Structure formats: structure tokens, C-alpha cells
Amino acid sequence: MAVPKRKVSKGRRGRRRAHHAIGIPKLVRCPRCGERIMPHRVCPFCGTYMGRLEVIEIEEE
């Protein structure tokens, strides 16, 4: 079984984890209503997905 020979320093550990930060979510426009939504998800505003009408029903207020 492999065992580390020396302790990994805080600096080396931090440099390795430099790319693990969570970025801002990417948003696209819904082709039907124009609202900003996350890609590959049903639009919570109009209920459509990939051009299909009414995947989910939206309650009117």
C-alpha cells in the first residue's frame, strides 16, 4: 500500500485545490419566454423544455 513519504505542505495543498472553487452559474435565455434559466433544465417560468410545450404546469397567480 502506498504511503506518503512526507507531509504535504499547506501551500502545495492550496495550489492543488486552486481550481476547486465554485464559479457563478451559467445562464441561457429561454427560447419561449426569454427568462434567464440554467441550461438543460425545464423553464420554471413557462414550463417548457427543448421546444416542447407544457412539460410541467405552471400555476397562474
Protein backbone atom coordinates (compact mmCIF):
# COMPACT_ATOMS: atom_id res chain seq x y z
CA MET A 1 0.00 0.00 0.00
CA ALA A 2 1.38 3.41 -0.95
CA VAL A 3 2.04 5.78 1.93
CA PRO A 4 3.18 9.43 1.56
CA LYS A 5 6.84 9.86 2.50
CA ARG A 6 6.37 13.44 3.73
CA LYS A 7 3.55 15.70 4.85
CA VAL A 8 2.08 17.79 2.01
CA SER A 9 2.60 21.44 2.87
CA LYS A 10 -0.31 23.88 3.13
CA GLY A 11 0.99 25.81 0.14
CA ARG A 12 1.23 22.76 -2.13
CA ARG A 13 -2.18 21.56 -0.97
CA GLY A 14 -3.66 25.00 -1.63
CA ARG A 15 -2.17 25.22 -5.13
CA ARG A 16 -3.63 21.84 -5.99
CA ARG A 17 -7.07 22.94 -4.79
CA ALA A 18 -6.92 26.32 -6.56
CA HIS A 19 -9.33 25.11 -9.28
CA HIS A 20 -11.92 23.62 -6.91
CA ALA A 21 -13.77 26.90 -6.30
CA ILE A 22 -17.43 27.09 -7.28
CA GLY A 23 -17.98 29.51 -10.14
CA ILE A 24 -21.05 31.56 -10.98
CA PRO A 25 -23.79 29.52 -12.67
CA LYS A 26 -24.03 29.80 -16.45
CA LEU A 27 -27.41 31.07 -17.62
CA VAL A 28 -29.10 30.95 -21.03
CA ARG A 29 -32.27 32.58 -22.33
CA CYS A 30 -35.45 30.53 -22.59
CA PRO A 31 -36.41 30.46 -26.29
CA ARG A 32 -40.11 30.84 -25.48
CA CYS A 33 -40.35 33.43 -22.70
CA GLY A 34 -36.84 34.95 -22.72
CA GLU A 35 -36.17 34.49 -19.00
CA ARG A 36 -32.66 33.55 -17.83
CA ILE A 37 -32.53 29.85 -16.82
CA MET A 38 -29.86 27.20 -16.22
CA PRO A 39 -29.20 25.11 -19.34
CA HIS A 40 -30.69 21.60 -19.76
CA ARG A 41 -33.50 22.27 -17.30
CA VAL A 42 -37.23 22.93 -17.56
CA CYS A 43 -38.04 26.64 -17.57
CA PRO A 44 -39.74 27.42 -14.22
CA PHE A 45 -41.45 30.46 -15.75
CA CYS A 46 -43.22 28.96 -18.78
CA GLY A 47 -42.84 25.19 -18.18
CA THR A 48 -41.18 24.27 -21.49
CA TYR A 49 -38.08 22.20 -22.24
CA MET A 50 -36.21 21.94 -25.56
CA GLY A 51 -39.11 23.44 -27.54
CA ARG A 52 -41.73 21.05 -26.15
CA LEU A 53 -44.80 22.89 -24.91
CA GLU A 54 -46.01 22.44 -21.34
CA VAL A 55 -43.65 19.87 -19.87
CA ILE A 56 -44.85 21.00 -16.43
CA GLU A 57 -47.90 23.01 -15.50
CA ILE A 58 -47.28 26.48 -14.05
CA GLU A 59 -49.83 27.87 -11.62
CA GLU A 60 -51.10 31.34 -12.51
CA GLU A 61 -51.07 33.84 -9.66
